[in-house]
Amino acid sequence: MDVSAETLQAFADNAWDTALAQANSFRPQLRIYEQGATNLFGGGSIGSVSKNSVSQTYRGPGVGSYTPVQIANSWRMLINLYDELLAYCNKLFLLSQANPPPSPNSIPALFIAKFPEYQQDPDNAVYYFMQRKLRPIDSYETDLTELRLVEALGYVNFPTW
C-alpha cells in the first residue's frame, strides 16, 4: 500500500477526534469514514463526455495525490488494525484478571493501571496502541543471522541465495 504511515496516523487522529466530539465510539467512526470513501468510487467514474462534436476527458488524480480507492483501503487498514489491537487488548485484560493476579510489574498489570476503564470503554487503549504501531519506516537492515546459523550447524551444502 502506498499511503504513508503519517497519512494513516492523520486519518486515525481525525476519526478519534470526531468520535470523541460526537460521543461515538472509535470503530464505528472509522467505518463511517470508510463508507464515505467507498461511495466516491462505488458508482464508477466518468471516462469522457461528448456532446455536439465537443469532447472532454477527465483524468484521474495526479502524482502526489491519493485515489478514492487508496483512501478507502486506508480506512479498511485502520479498521483491521483496530480489530487486531482490540483482540490484543482483550487478551491483556483477561490476563490481568487472572487468579492469582499477575505481578505488579507484569504487562497485564501495567495495562490495567494505565487503562482502568478498559472494560467499559476499550477505545482509549486501542487508540493508544494504534498510534504506537503506525510508525514511519526510517531505515531497514537486512538480517543475515540465519545464514550464519546454517554454517554453524554444519550444513555446508545448504543452498544459499
Protein backbone atom coordinates (compact mmCIF):
# COMPACT_ATOMS: atom_id res chain seq x y z
CA MET A 1 0.00 0.00 0.00
CA ASP A 2 1.47 3.33 -0.96
CA VAL A 3 -0.25 5.51 1.64
CA SER A 4 2.31 6.73 4.16
CA ALA A 5 2.21 5.91 7.87
CA GLU A 6 1.94 9.64 8.58
CA THR A 7 -1.23 9.84 6.48
CA LEU A 8 -2.69 6.83 8.28
CA GLN A 9 -1.84 8.49 11.60
CA ALA A 10 -3.66 11.63 10.49
CA PHE A 11 -6.70 9.61 9.41
CA ALA A 12 -6.75 7.79 12.76
CA ASP A 13 -6.42 11.11 14.63
CA ASN A 14 -9.29 12.62 12.64
CA ALA A 15 -11.53 9.65 13.38
CA TRP A 16 -10.55 9.70 17.06
CA ASP A 17 -11.24 13.42 17.43
CA THR A 18 -14.58 13.14 15.64
CA ALA A 19 -15.60 10.10 17.68
CA LEU A 20 -14.91 11.99 20.91
CA ALA A 21 -16.72 15.12 19.75
CA GLN A 22 -19.82 13.18 18.64
CA ALA A 23 -19.89 10.75 21.59
CA ASN A 24 -19.34 7.97 19.11
CA SER A 25 -17.03 5.01 19.50
CA PHE A 26 -13.81 4.75 17.54
CA ARG A 27 -14.51 1.76 15.26
CA PRO A 28 -17.95 2.99 14.10
CA GLN A 29 -16.36 6.36 13.29
CA LEU A 30 -13.67 4.63 11.22
CA ARG A 31 -16.45 2.76 9.43
CA ILE A 32 -18.36 5.99 8.69
CA TYR A 33 -15.26 7.43 7.03
CA GLU A 34 -14.68 4.22 5.08
CA GLN A 35 -18.27 4.28 3.79
CA GLY A 36 -17.84 7.88 2.67
CA ALA A 37 -14.67 6.99 0.79
CA THR A 38 -16.15 3.93 -0.89
CA ASN A 39 -19.16 5.97 -2.00
CA LEU A 40 -16.78 8.10 -4.08
CA PHE A 41 -15.98 5.24 -6.42
CA GLY A 42 -18.89 2.88 -5.80
CA GLY A 43 -20.82 4.01 -8.87
CA GLY A 44 -17.84 4.09 -11.21
CA SER A 45 -16.22 7.13 -12.74
CA ILE A 46 -16.70 9.21 -15.86
CA GLY A 47 -14.12 8.50 -18.55
CA SER A 48 -15.22 11.01 -21.16
CA VAL A 49 -18.07 13.37 -22.06
CA SER A 50 -19.14 14.13 -25.61
CA LYS A 51 -21.83 16.47 -26.97
CA ASN A 52 -22.31 18.28 -30.29
CA SER A 53 -18.88 17.34 -31.62
CA VAL A 54 -17.18 18.60 -28.46
CA SER A 55 -15.43 16.07 -26.29
CA GLN A 56 -13.92 16.21 -22.80
CA THR A 57 -11.95 13.55 -20.98
CA TYR A 58 -11.48 13.56 -17.24
CA ARG A 59 -8.24 12.19 -15.92
CA GLY A 60 -7.58 10.67 -12.54
CA PRO A 61 -5.66 12.17 -9.65
CA GLY A 62 -2.20 13.45 -10.42
CA VAL A 63 1.12 12.50 -8.97
CA GLY A 64 1.25 13.03 -5.22
CA SER A 65 -2.48 12.74 -4.61
CA TYR A 66 -4.39 9.70 -3.43
CA THR A 67 -7.12 7.98 -5.38
CA PRO A 68 -10.50 7.29 -3.77
CA VAL A 69 -9.68 3.58 -3.74
CA GLN A 70 -6.44 4.23 -1.84
CA ILE A 71 -8.33 6.32 0.69
CA ALA A 72 -10.97 3.62 1.17
CA ASN A 73 -8.24 0.99 1.51
CA SER A 74 -6.56 3.18 4.13
CA TRP A 75 -9.72 3.27 6.21
CA ARG A 76 -10.06 -0.51 5.85
CA MET A 77 -6.45 -0.94 7.03
CA LEU A 78 -7.23 1.18 10.09
CA ILE A 79 -10.38 -0.83 10.83
CA ASN A 80 -8.44 -4.10 10.53
CA LEU A 81 -5.74 -2.67 12.79
CA TYR A 82 -8.42 -1.63 15.29
CA ASP A 83 -9.83 -5.18 15.34
CA GLU A 84 -6.35 -6.70 15.72
CA LEU A 85 -5.43 -4.40 18.59
CA LEU A 86 -8.79 -4.87 20.30
CA ALA A 87 -8.11 -8.62 20.39
CA TYR A 88 -4.64 -7.92 21.82
CA CYS A 89 -6.07 -5.58 24.48
CA ASN A 90 -8.78 -8.11 25.36
CA LYS A 91 -6.06 -10.69 25.91
CA LEU A 92 -4.14 -8.33 28.20
CA PHE A 93 -7.33 -7.54 30.10
CA LEU A 94 -8.15 -11.22 30.61
CA LEU A 95 -4.59 -11.92 31.77
CA SER A 96 -4.86 -9.02 34.23
CA GLN A 97 -7.98 -10.60 35.73
CA ALA A 98 -6.32 -14.00 36.24
CA ASN A 99 -6.34 -15.75 39.57
CA PRO A 100 -3.74 -15.45 41.04
CA PRO A 101 -3.24 -11.86 39.95
CA PRO A 102 -0.17 -11.02 37.88
CA SER A 103 2.85 -9.41 39.48
CA PRO A 104 2.64 -5.59 39.71
CA ASN A 105 5.31 -5.09 37.03
CA SER A 106 3.83 -7.51 34.50
CA ILE A 107 2.44 -6.21 31.20
CA PRO A 108 -1.19 -7.10 32.06
CA ALA A 109 -0.95 -5.31 35.42
CA LEU A 110 0.62 -2.23 33.81
CA PHE A 111 -2.10 -2.33 31.13
CA ILE A 112 -4.88 -2.17 33.75
CA ALA A 113 -3.03 0.54 35.67
CA LYS A 114 -2.88 2.67 32.50
CA PHE A 115 -6.43 1.87 31.33
CA PRO A 116 -8.60 1.23 34.42
CA GLU A 117 -11.77 2.00 32.42
CA TYR A 118 -10.94 -0.64 29.78
CA GLN A 119 -13.90 -2.92 30.45
CA GLN A 120 -16.40 -0.06 29.93
CA ASP A 121 -14.58 1.67 27.05
CA PRO A 122 -11.73 -0.11 25.24
CA ASP A 123 -11.24 2.67 22.66
CA ASN A 124 -8.63 4.59 24.67
CA ALA A 125 -6.37 1.55 24.89
CA VAL A 126 -6.85 0.60 21.25
CA TYR A 127 -6.12 4.15 20.08
CA TYR A 128 -3.01 4.25 22.31
CA PHE A 129 -1.60 1.07 20.75
CA MET A 130 -2.68 2.11 17.26
CA GLN A 131 -0.61 5.28 17.48
CA ARG A 132 2.40 3.25 18.56
CA LYS A 133 2.00 0.73 15.75
CA LEU A 134 1.57 3.34 13.00
CA ARG A 135 5.16 4.48 12.72
CA PRO A 136 7.01 5.54 9.60
CA ILE A 137 9.87 3.30 8.49
CA ASP A 138 13.08 5.33 8.50
CA SER A 139 15.54 2.59 7.75
CA TYR A 140 15.77 -1.09 7.05
CA GLU A 141 18.57 -3.52 7.76
CA THR A 142 18.93 -6.99 6.32
CA ASP A 143 19.22 -9.67 8.98
CA LEU A 144 21.60 -12.39 7.83
CA THR A 145 21.73 -14.19 11.17
CA GLU A 146 20.06 -17.27 9.71
CA LEU A 147 22.77 -17.63 7.07
CA ARG A 148 25.44 -17.73 9.75
CA LEU A 149 23.37 -20.23 11.70
CA VAL A 150 23.30 -22.56 8.69
CA GLU A 151 27.10 -22.61 8.60
CA ALA A 152 27.36 -23.03 12.37
CA LEU A 153 25.10 -26.08 12.27
CA GLY A 154 27.34 -27.72 9.67
CA TYR A 155 25.01 -27.53 6.69
CA VAL A 156 27.86 -26.95 4.28
CA ASN A 157 25.91 -27.87 1.15
CA PHE A 158 22.80 -25.98 2.21
CA PRO A 159 21.69 -23.76 -0.68
CA THR A 160 22.12 -20.06 -0.03
CA TRP A 161 20.92 -17.22 -2.17
